[in-house]
PDB file of N, CA and C in Angstrom:
ATOM      1  N   MET A   1      -2.523   5.951  12.871  1.00  0.00           N
ATOM      2  CA  MET A   1      -2.497   6.558  11.642  1.00  0.00           C
ATOM      3  C   MET A   1      -3.561   7.022  11.319  1.00  0.00           C
ATOM      4  N   ARG A   2      -3.678   8.344  11.499  1.00  0.00           N
ATOM      5  CA  ARG A   2      -4.706   9.128  10.894  1.00  0.00           C
ATOM      6  C   ARG A   2      -4.116   9.726   9.203  1.00  0.00           C
ATOM      7  N   ALA A   3      -5.942   9.766   8.651  1.00  0.00           N
ATOM      8  CA  ALA A   3      -5.529  10.184   7.198  1.00  0.00           C
ATOM      9  C   ALA A   3      -6.585  11.098   6.843  1.00  0.00           C
ATOM     10  N   ARG A   4      -6.849  11.769   7.414  1.00  0.00           N
ATOM     11  CA  ARG A   4      -7.829  12.644   7.228  1.00  0.00           C
ATOM     12  C   ARG A   4      -8.175  13.620   5.914  1.00  0.00           C
ATOM     13  N   ALA A   5      -6.306  13.954   5.740  1.00  0.00           N
ATOM     14  CA  ALA A   5      -6.365  14.615   4.742  1.00  0.00           C
ATOM     15  C   ALA A   5      -5.848  13.950   3.283  1.00  0.00           C
ATOM     16  N   ALA A   6      -6.192  12.529   3.432  1.00  0.00           N
ATOM     17  CA  ALA A   6      -6.102  11.776   2.284  1.00  0.00           C
ATOM     18  C   ALA A   6      -6.791  11.782   1.788  1.00  0.00           C
ATOM     19  N   HIS A   7      -7.047  11.412   0.165  1.00  0.00           N
ATOM     20  CA  HIS A   7      -8.304  11.398  -0.220  1.00  0.00           C
ATOM     21  C   HIS A   7      -8.113  10.396  -0.996  1.00  0.00           C
ATOM     22  N   PRO A   8      -9.482   9.208  -1.453  1.00  0.00           N
ATOM     23  CA  PRO A   8      -9.756   8.144  -1.959  1.00  0.00           C
ATOM     24  C   PRO A   8      -8.524   7.904  -3.306  1.00  0.00           C
ATOM     25  N   GLY A   9      -7.793   6.966  -3.786  1.00  0.00           N
ATOM     26  CA  GLY A   9      -7.442   6.811  -4.717  1.00  0.00           C
ATOM     27  C   GLY A   9      -6.138   6.938  -4.529  1.00  0.00           C
ATOM     28  N   PRO A  10      -5.153   7.810  -5.229  1.00  0.00           N
ATOM     29  CA  PRO A  10      -4.001   8.212  -5.164  1.00  0.00           C
ATOM     30  C   PRO A  10      -3.142   7.720  -3.814  1.00  0.00           C
ATOM     31  N   GLY A  11      -2.151   6.899  -3.913  1.00  0.00           N
ATOM     32  CA  GLY A  11      -1.499   7.508  -2.471  1.00  0.00           C
ATOM     33  C   GLY A  11       0.017   8.159  -2.766  1.00  0.00           C
ATOM     34  N   VAL A  12       0.192   8.233  -1.201  1.00  0.00           N
ATOM     35  CA  VAL A  12       1.195   9.288  -0.951  1.00  0.00           C
ATOM     36  C   VAL A  12       1.949   8.399  -0.388  1.00  0.00           C
ATOM     37  N   ALA A  13       3.304   8.973  -0.130  1.00  0.00           N
ATOM     38  CA  ALA A  13       4.649   8.361   0.199  1.00  0.00           C
ATOM     39  C   ALA A  13       5.124   9.344   1.496  1.00  0.00           C
ATOM     40  N   ALA A  14       5.152   8.389   2.204  1.00  0.00           N
ATOM     41  CA  ALA A  14       6.347   9.089   3.816  1.00  0.00           C
ATOM     42  C   ALA A  14       7.079   8.444   3.849  1.00  0.00           C
ATOM     43  N   LEU A  15       7.731   9.789   4.836  1.00  0.00           N
ATOM     44  CA  LEU A  15       8.903   9.485   5.256  1.00  0.00           C
ATOM     45  C   LEU A  15       8.865   8.957   7.173  1.00  0.00           C
ATOM     46  N   LEU A  16       9.322   7.906   7.551  1.00  0.00           N
ATOM     47  CA  LEU A  16       8.608   7.326   9.008  1.00  0.00           C
ATOM     48  C   LEU A  16      10.273   7.590   9.331  1.00  0.00           C
ATOM     49  N   PRO A  17      10.370   8.048  10.956  1.00  0.00           N
ATOM     50  CA  PRO A  17      11.299   8.392  12.117  1.00  0.00           C
ATOM     51  C   PRO A  17      12.267   7.557  11.696  1.00  0.00           C
ATOM     52  N   ASP A  18      12.247   6.716  11.613  1.00  0.00           N
ATOM     53  CA  ASP A  18      13.330   5.381  11.316  1.00  0.00           C
ATOM     54  C   ASP A  18      13.964   5.287   9.881  1.00  0.00           C
ATOM     55  N   GLY A  19      13.638   6.644   9.004  1.00  0.00           N
ATOM     56  CA  GLY A  19      14.004   6.311   7.538  1.00  0.00           C
ATOM     57  C   GLY A  19      13.797   5.846   6.611  1.00  0.00           C
ATOM     58  N   ARG A  20      12.669   4.503   6.588  1.00  0.00           N
ATOM     59  CA  ARG A  20      12.267   3.596   5.621  1.00  0.00           C
ATOM     60  C   ARG A  20      10.979   4.687   5.452  1.00  0.00           C
ATOM     61  N   GLN A  21      10.266   3.945   4.331  1.00  0.00           N
ATOM     62  CA  GLN A  21       9.189   4.836   3.720  1.00  0.00           C
ATOM     63  C   GLN A  21       8.115   3.629   3.432  1.00  0.00           C
ATOM     64  N   ALA A  22       6.755   4.984   3.219  1.00  0.00           N
ATOM     65  CA  ALA A  22       5.687   3.964   3.581  1.00  0.00           C
ATOM     66  C   ALA A  22       4.777   4.641   2.469  1.00  0.00           C
ATOM     67  N   ALA A  23       4.283   3.888   1.915  1.00  0.00           N
ATOM     68  CA  ALA A  23       2.654   4.546   1.408  1.00  0.00           C
ATOM     69  C   ALA A  23       1.797   4.636   1.476  1.00  0.00           C
ATOM     70  N   VAL A  24       1.572   5.495   1.628  1.00  0.00           N
ATOM     71  CA  VAL A  24      -0.204   5.637   2.092  1.00  0.00           C
ATOM     72  C   VAL A  24      -1.583   6.154   1.432  1.00  0.00           C
ATOM     73  N   PHE A  25      -2.399   4.864   2.008  1.00  0.00           N
ATOM     74  CA  PHE A  25      -4.053   4.868   0.335  1.00  0.00           C
ATOM     75  C   PHE A  25      -5.082   5.106   1.643  1.00  0.00           C
ATOM     76  N   THR A  26      -5.539   5.796   1.036  1.00  0.00           N
ATOM     77  CA  THR A  26      -7.191   5.970   1.567  1.00  0.00           C
ATOM     78  C   THR A  26      -8.514   4.873   0.984  1.00  0.00           C
ATOM     79  N   ASP A  27      -9.375   4.348   1.106  1.00  0.00           N
ATOM     80  CA  ASP A  27      -9.445   3.974  -0.118  1.00  0.00           C
ATOM     81  C   ASP A  27     -11.427   4.606   0.198  1.00  0.00           C
ATOM     82  N   ARG A  28     -12.349   4.045  -0.619  1.00  0.00           N
ATOM     83  CA  ARG A  28     -13.544   4.861  -0.879  1.00  0.00           C
ATOM     84  C   ARG A  28     -14.566   4.943   0.664  1.00  0.00           C
ATOM     85  N   THR A  29     -14.139   3.877   0.924  1.00  0.00           N
ATOM     86  CA  THR A  29     -14.735   3.943   2.534  1.00  0.00           C
ATOM     87  C   THR A  29     -14.160   5.180   3.669  1.00  0.00           C
ATOM     88  N   GLY A  30     -13.216   5.633   3.567  1.00  0.00           N
ATOM     89  CA  GLY A  30     -12.178   5.944   4.365  1.00  0.00           C
ATOM     90  C   GLY A  30     -11.499   5.273   5.172  1.00  0.00           C
ATOM     91  N   ARG A  31     -10.911   4.461   5.324  1.00  0.00           N
ATOM     92  CA  ARG A  31     -10.091   3.419   5.476  1.00  0.00           C
ATOM     93  C   ARG A  31      -8.995   3.636   4.916  1.00  0.00           C
ATOM     94  N   ALA A  32      -8.067   3.736   5.705  1.00  0.00           N
ATOM     95  CA  ALA A  32      -6.394   4.270   5.553  1.00  0.00           C
ATOM     96  C   ALA A  32      -5.329   2.602   5.729  1.00  0.00           C
ATOM     97  N   TYR A  33      -5.100   2.367   4.462  1.00  0.00           N
ATOM     98  CA  TYR A  33      -3.829   1.598   4.567  1.00  0.00           C
ATOM     99  C   TYR A  33      -1.860   2.248   4.497  1.00  0.00           C
ATOM    100  N   ALA A  34      -1.357   1.337   5.657  1.00  0.00           N
ATOM    101  CA  ALA A  34      -0.198   2.135   4.400  1.00  0.00           C
ATOM    102  C   ALA A  34       0.880   0.695   4.559  1.00  0.00           C
ATOM    103  N   ILE A  35       1.465   0.534   3.547  1.00  0.00           N
ATOM    104  CA  ILE A  35       2.243  -0.357   3.358  1.00  0.00           C
ATOM    105  C   ILE A  35       4.566   0.448   3.183  1.00  0.00           C
ATOM    106  N   ASP A  36       5.147  -0.688   3.104  1.00  0.00           N
ATOM    107  CA  ASP A  36       6.124  -0.778   2.378  1.00  0.00           C
ATOM    108  C   ASP A  36       5.948   0.074   1.122  1.00  0.00           C
ATOM    109  N   ASN A  37       7.037   1.538   1.257  1.00  0.00           N
ATOM    110  CA  ASN A  37       7.183   1.996   0.077  1.00  0.00           C
ATOM    111  C   ASN A  37       7.989   1.325  -1.110  1.00  0.00           C
ATOM    112  N   ARG A  38       8.736   0.636  -1.138  1.00  0.00           N
ATOM    113  CA  ARG A  38       9.679  -0.487  -1.557  1.00  0.00           C
ATOM    114  C   ARG A  38       9.000  -1.102  -2.229  1.00  0.00           C
ATOM    115  N   ASP A  39       9.029  -1.076  -3.774  1.00  0.00           N
ATOM    116  CA  ASP A  39       8.871  -2.458  -4.657  1.00  0.00           C
ATOM    117  C   ASP A  39       9.501  -3.248  -4.230  1.00  0.00           C
ATOM    118  N   GLN A  40       9.220  -4.218  -3.943  1.00  0.00           N
ATOM    119  CA  GLN A  40      10.231  -5.929  -3.521  1.00  0.00           C
ATOM    120  C   GLN A  40      10.862  -6.669  -4.523  1.00  0.00           C
ATOM    121  N   PHE A  41       9.752  -6.339  -5.874  1.00  0.00           N
ATOM    122  CA  PHE A  41      10.594  -7.155  -7.207  1.00  0.00           C
ATOM    123  C   PHE A  41      12.151  -5.913  -7.903  1.00  0.00           C
ATOM    124  N   THR A  42      11.417  -4.377  -7.719  1.00  0.00           N
ATOM    125  CA  THR A  42      12.633  -3.579  -8.206  1.00  0.00           C
ATOM    126  C   THR A  42      13.472  -3.277  -7.089  1.00  0.00           C
ATOM    127  N   GLY A  43      13.193  -2.524  -6.457  1.00  0.00           N
ATOM    128  CA  GLY A  43      13.875  -1.967  -5.297  1.00  0.00           C
ATOM    129  C   GLY A  43      13.953  -0.783  -5.343  1.00  0.00           C
ATOM    130  N   ALA A  44      13.231  -0.620  -6.111  1.00  0.00           N
ATOM    131  CA  ALA A  44      12.382   1.139  -6.321  1.00  0.00           C
ATOM    132  C   ALA A  44      10.627   0.853  -5.061  1.00  0.00           C
ATOM    133  N   TYR A  45      11.366   2.851  -4.846  1.00  0.00           N
ATOM    134  CA  TYR A  45      10.586   3.631  -3.650  1.00  0.00           C
ATOM    135  C   TYR A  45       9.373   3.864  -4.635  1.00  0.00           C
ATOM    136  N   VAL A  46       8.081   2.786  -5.175  1.00  0.00           N
ATOM    137  CA  VAL A  46       7.463   3.497  -6.237  1.00  0.00           C
ATOM    138  C   VAL A  46       6.244   3.077  -5.868  1.00  0.00           C
ATOM    139  N   MET A  47       5.855   2.408  -4.718  1.00  0.00           N
ATOM    140  CA  MET A  47       4.608   1.843  -4.550  1.00  0.00           C
ATOM    141  C   MET A  47       3.959   2.357  -3.983  1.00  0.00           C
ATOM    142  N   SER A  48       3.619   3.809  -3.755  1.00  0.00           N
ATOM    143  CA  SER A  48       2.883   5.116  -3.892  1.00  0.00           C
ATOM    144  C   SER A  48       2.021   5.376  -4.734  1.00  0.00           C
ATOM    145  N   ARG A  49       2.876   5.114  -6.268  1.00  0.00           N
ATOM    146  CA  ARG A  49       2.090   5.414  -7.057  1.00  0.00           C
ATOM    147  C   ARG A  49       1.577   4.526  -7.955  1.00  0.00           C
ATOM    148  N   GLY A  50       0.873   3.658  -7.495  1.00  0.00           N
ATOM    149  CA  GLY A  50       0.751   2.177  -7.395  1.00  0.00           C
ATOM    150  C   GLY A  50      -1.258   2.206  -8.033  1.00  0.00           C
ATOM    151  N   LEU A  51      -1.693   1.671  -8.473  1.00  0.00           N
ATOM    152  CA  LEU A  51      -2.889   1.694  -8.649  1.00  0.00           C
ATOM    153  C   LEU A  51      -3.703   1.018  -7.680  1.00  0.00           C
ATOM    154  N   LEU A  52      -5.080   1.489  -6.670  1.00  0.00           N
ATOM    155  CA  LEU A  52      -5.839   0.430  -6.036  1.00  0.00           C
ATOM    156  C   LEU A  52      -7.080   0.122  -6.728  1.00  0.00           C
ATOM    157  N   GLY A  53      -6.569  -2.036  -6.434  1.00  0.00           N
ATOM    158  CA  GLY A  53      -8.319  -2.249  -6.878  1.00  0.00           C
ATOM    159  C   GLY A  53      -8.857  -3.140  -5.500  1.00  0.00           C
ATOM    160  N   SER A  54      -9.337  -4.134  -6.143  1.00  0.00           N
ATOM    161  CA  SER A  54     -10.221  -5.059  -5.474  1.00  0.00           C
ATOM    162  C   SER A  54     -10.720  -6.049  -5.933  1.00  0.00           C
ATOM    163  N   ALA A  55     -10.489  -7.206  -5.068  1.00  0.00           N
ATOM    164  CA  ALA A  55     -10.691  -8.424  -5.681  1.00  0.00           C
ATOM    165  C   ALA A  55     -11.296  -9.896  -4.302  1.00  0.00           C
ATOM    166  N   HIS A  56     -12.510  -9.932  -4.263  1.00  0.00           N
ATOM    167  CA  HIS A  56     -13.013 -10.680  -3.260  1.00  0.00           C
ATOM    168  C   HIS A  56     -13.481 -10.095  -2.257  1.00  0.00           C
ATOM    169  N   GLY A  57     -13.096  -9.090  -2.198  1.00  0.00           N
ATOM    170  CA  GLY A  57     -13.326  -7.938  -1.012  1.00  0.00           C
ATOM    171  C   GLY A  57     -12.210  -7.744  -0.302  1.00  0.00           C
ATOM    172  N   ARG A  58     -11.406  -8.151  -0.522  1.00  0.00           N
ATOM    173  CA  ARG A  58      -9.762  -7.573  -0.598  1.00  0.00           C
ATOM    174  C   ARG A  58      -9.185  -6.660  -1.381  1.00  0.00           C
ATOM    175  N   ALA A  59      -9.007  -5.477  -0.630  1.00  0.00           N
ATOM    176  CA  ALA A  59      -8.239  -3.814  -1.090  1.00  0.00           C
ATOM    177  C   ALA A  59      -6.784  -4.668  -1.877  1.00  0.00           C
ATOM    178  N   PHE A  60      -6.321  -4.214  -2.386  1.00  0.00           N
ATOM    179  CA  PHE A  60      -5.092  -4.810  -2.952  1.00  0.00           C
ATOM    180  C   PHE A  60      -4.173  -2.831  -3.542  1.00  0.00           C
ATOM    181  N   VAL A  61      -2.906  -3.048  -4.082  1.00  0.00           N
ATOM    182  CA  VAL A  61      -2.131  -1.992  -4.420  1.00  0.00           C
ATOM    183  C   VAL A  61      -1.549  -2.754  -5.928  1.00  0.00           C
ATOM    184  N   VAL A  62      -1.787  -2.203  -6.999  1.00  0.00           N
ATOM    185  CA  VAL A  62      -0.541  -3.069  -8.210  1.00  0.00           C
ATOM    186  C   VAL A  62       0.591  -2.015  -7.921  1.00  0.00           C
ATOM    187  N   SER A  63       1.708  -2.420  -8.212  1.00  0.00           N
ATOM    188  CA  SER A  63       3.083  -2.068  -7.980  1.00  0.00           C
ATOM    189  C   SER A  63       2.969  -0.985  -9.390  1.00  0.00           C
ATOM    190  N   PRO A  64       3.358  -0.450  -9.861  1.00  0.00           N
ATOM    191  CA  PRO A  64       3.450   1.252 -10.684  1.00  0.00           C
ATOM    192  C   PRO A  64       4.518   0.241 -12.054  1.00  0.00           C
ATOM    193  N   LEU A  65       5.574  -0.372 -11.708  1.00  0.00           N
ATOM    194  CA  LEU A  65       6.384  -0.767 -12.350  1.00  0.00           C
ATOM    195  C   LEU A  65       5.988  -2.254 -12.919  1.00  0.00           C
ATOM    196  N   LEU A  66       5.771  -3.183 -12.531  1.00  0.00           N
ATOM    197  CA  LEU A  66       5.803  -4.849 -12.955  1.00  0.00           C
ATOM    198  C   LEU A  66       4.632  -5.590 -12.377  1.00  0.00           C
ATOM    199  N   LYS A  67       3.954  -4.384 -12.064  1.00  0.00           N
ATOM    200  CA  LYS A  67       2.323  -4.786 -12.152  1.00  0.00           C
ATOM    201  C   LYS A  67       2.111  -6.021 -11.285  1.00  0.00           C
ATOM    202  N   GLN A  68       2.960  -6.456  -9.848  1.00  0.00           N
ATOM    203  CA  GLN A  68       2.444  -7.176  -8.983  1.00  0.00           C
ATOM    204  C   GLN A  68       1.421  -6.859  -8.530  1.00  0.00           C
ATOM    205  N   ARG A  69       0.197  -7.306  -7.064  1.00  0.00           N
ATOM    206  CA  ARG A  69      -0.675  -6.773  -6.439  1.00  0.00           C
ATOM    207  C   ARG A  69      -0.583  -7.382  -5.484  1.00  0.00           C
ATOM    208  N   PHE A  70      -0.629  -6.555  -4.170  1.00  0.00           N
ATOM    209  CA  PHE A  70      -0.130  -6.578  -2.894  1.00  0.00           C
ATOM    210  C   PHE A  70      -1.726  -6.450  -2.121  1.00  0.00           C
ATOM    211  N   ASP A  71      -1.505  -7.623  -1.241  1.00  0.00           N
ATOM    212  CA  ASP A  71      -2.808  -7.179  -0.154  1.00  0.00           C
ATOM    213  C   ASP A  71      -2.769  -6.004   0.548  1.00  0.00           C
ATOM    214  N   LEU A  72      -3.308  -5.084   0.778  1.00  0.00           N
ATOM    215  CA  LEU A  72      -3.531  -3.362   1.470  1.00  0.00           C
ATOM    216  C   LEU A  72      -3.662  -3.965   3.305  1.00  0.00           C
ATOM    217  N   GLU A  73      -4.344  -5.488   3.137  1.00  0.00           N
ATOM    218  CA  GLU A  73      -4.051  -5.815   4.892  1.00  0.00           C
ATOM    219  C   GLU A  73      -2.754  -6.814   5.167  1.00  0.00           C
ATOM    220  N   THR A  74      -2.930  -7.244   4.478  1.00  0.00           N
ATOM    221  CA  THR A  74      -1.725  -8.483   4.794  1.00  0.00           C
ATOM    222  C   THR A  74       0.105  -8.487   4.319  1.00  0.00           C
ATOM    223  N   GLY A  75      -0.055  -7.439   3.190  1.00  0.00           N
ATOM    224  CA  GLY A  75       1.377  -7.333   2.599  1.00  0.00           C
ATOM    225  C   GLY A  75       1.735  -8.238   1.561  1.00  0.00           C
ATOM    226  N   ARG A  76       0.714  -9.661   1.167  1.00  0.00           N
ATOM    227  CA  ARG A  76       0.750 -10.736   0.663  1.00  0.00           C
ATOM    228  C   ARG A  76       0.811 -10.069  -0.905  1.00  0.00           C
ATOM    229  N   CYS A  77       2.198 -10.726  -1.350  1.00  0.00           N
ATOM    230  CA  CYS A  77       1.571 -10.709  -2.677  1.00  0.00           C
ATOM    231  C   CYS A  77       1.258 -11.729  -3.565  1.00  0.00           C
ATOM    232  N   LEU A  78      -0.139 -11.018  -4.561  1.00  0.00           N
ATOM    233  CA  LEU A  78      -0.848 -12.146  -4.867  1.00  0.00           C
ATOM    234  C   LEU A  78      -0.679 -12.605  -6.079  1.00  0.00           C
ATOM    235  N   ASP A  79       0.322 -12.338  -6.624  1.00  0.00           N
ATOM    236  CA  ASP A  79       1.264 -12.887  -7.769  1.00  0.00           C
ATOM    237  C   ASP A  79       1.999 -13.903  -7.804  1.00  0.00           C
ATOM    238  N   ASP A  80       2.996 -13.754  -6.592  1.00  0.00           N
ATOM    239  CA  ASP A  80       3.962 -14.523  -5.938  1.00  0.00           C
ATOM    240  C   ASP A  80       3.614 -14.945  -4.504  1.00  0.00           C
ATOM    241  N   GLU A  81       3.775 -16.184  -4.038  1.00  0.00           N
ATOM    242  CA  GLU A  81       3.283 -16.017  -2.600  1.00  0.00           C
ATOM    243  C   GLU A  81       4.181 -16.256  -1.172  1.00  0.00           C
ATOM    244  N   GLU A  82       5.362 -15.886  -1.947  1.00  0.00           N
ATOM    245  CA  GLU A  82       6.734 -15.626  -1.548  1.00  0.00           C
ATOM    246  C   GLU A  82       7.688 -14.709  -1.414  1.00  0.00           C
ATOM    247  N   VAL A  83       6.907 -13.874  -1.337  1.00  0.00           N
ATOM    248  CA  VAL A  83       6.969 -12.315  -1.372  1.00  0.00           C
ATOM    249  C   VAL A  83       6.136 -11.400  -0.457  1.00  0.00           C
ATOM    250  N   SER A  84       6.408 -10.301   0.156  1.00  0.00           N
ATOM    251  CA  SER A  84       4.932  -9.712   0.807  1.00  0.00           C
ATOM    252  C   SER A  84       5.729  -8.262   0.881  1.00  0.00           C
ATOM    253  N   VAL A  85       5.426  -6.974   1.813  1.00  0.00           N
ATOM    254  CA  VAL A  85       5.645  -6.097   1.970  1.00  0.00           C
ATOM    255  C   VAL A  85       5.555  -5.737   3.509  1.00  0.00           C
ATOM    256  N   GLN A  86       5.286  -5.265   4.093  1.00  0.00           N
ATOM    257  CA  GLN A  86       5.223  -4.536   5.693  1.00  0.00           C
ATOM    258  C   GLN A  86       4.114  -3.882   5.692  1.00  0.00           C
ATOM    259  N   THR A  87       3.054  -4.206   6.663  1.00  0.00           N
ATOM    260  CA  THR A  87       1.925  -3.199   6.312  1.00  0.00           C
ATOM    261  C   THR A  87       1.722  -3.027   7.174  1.00  0.00           C
ATOM    262  N   SER A  88       0.804  -1.817   7.491  1.00  0.00           N
ATOM    263  CA  SER A  88       0.409  -1.009   8.952  1.00  0.00           C
ATOM    264  C   SER A  88      -1.228  -0.641   8.538  1.00  0.00           C
ATOM    265  N   THR A  89      -2.132  -1.017   9.299  1.00  0.00           N
ATOM    266  CA  THR A  89      -3.353  -0.626   8.874  1.00  0.00           C
ATOM    267  C   THR A  89      -4.389   0.268   9.895  1.00  0.00           C
ATOM    268  N   ASP A  90      -5.268   1.418   9.444  1.00  0.00           N
ATOM    269  CA  ASP A  90      -5.602   2.115  10.756  1.00  0.00           C
ATOM    270  C   ASP A  90      -7.075   1.395  11.058  1.00  0.00           C
ATOM    271  N   HIS A  91      -6.438   1.559  12.037  1.00  0.00           N
ATOM    272  CA  HIS A  91      -7.883   0.820  12.712  1.00  0.00           C
ATOM    273  C   HIS A  91      -8.583   1.654  13.927  1.00  0.00           C
ATOM    274  N   SER A  92      -8.586   3.298  13.663  1.00  0.00           N
ATOM    275  CA  SER A  92      -9.154   3.824  14.674  1.00  0.00           C
ATOM    276  C   SER A  92      -9.587   4.639  13.792  1.00  0.00           C
ATOM    277  N   ARG A  93     -10.449   4.042  12.963  1.00  0.00           N
ATOM    278  CA  ARG A  93     -12.139   4.510  12.208  1.00  0.00           C
ATOM    279  C   ARG A  93     -12.909   4.931  13.111  1.00  0.00           C
TER     280      ARG A  93
END
């Protein structure tokens, strides 16, 4: 995944060839992350509107609806360990 046109902070939604949606984010260092755009708690396709944050050196996005945090590398929900989203990270830096 190339994120040259992306800017740090706000995410963008992307439609994938298989019909799924991805939420794509770029952090301040230029590293790109992509996660499933579907909020696992509500079913709404809104994760690209979430806010970026970090804790203990780990980047996460906060769902804009119910405010759960999802690790951008693993997809694991930091507030409910039984929930996760699919991820893809950019290793082409």
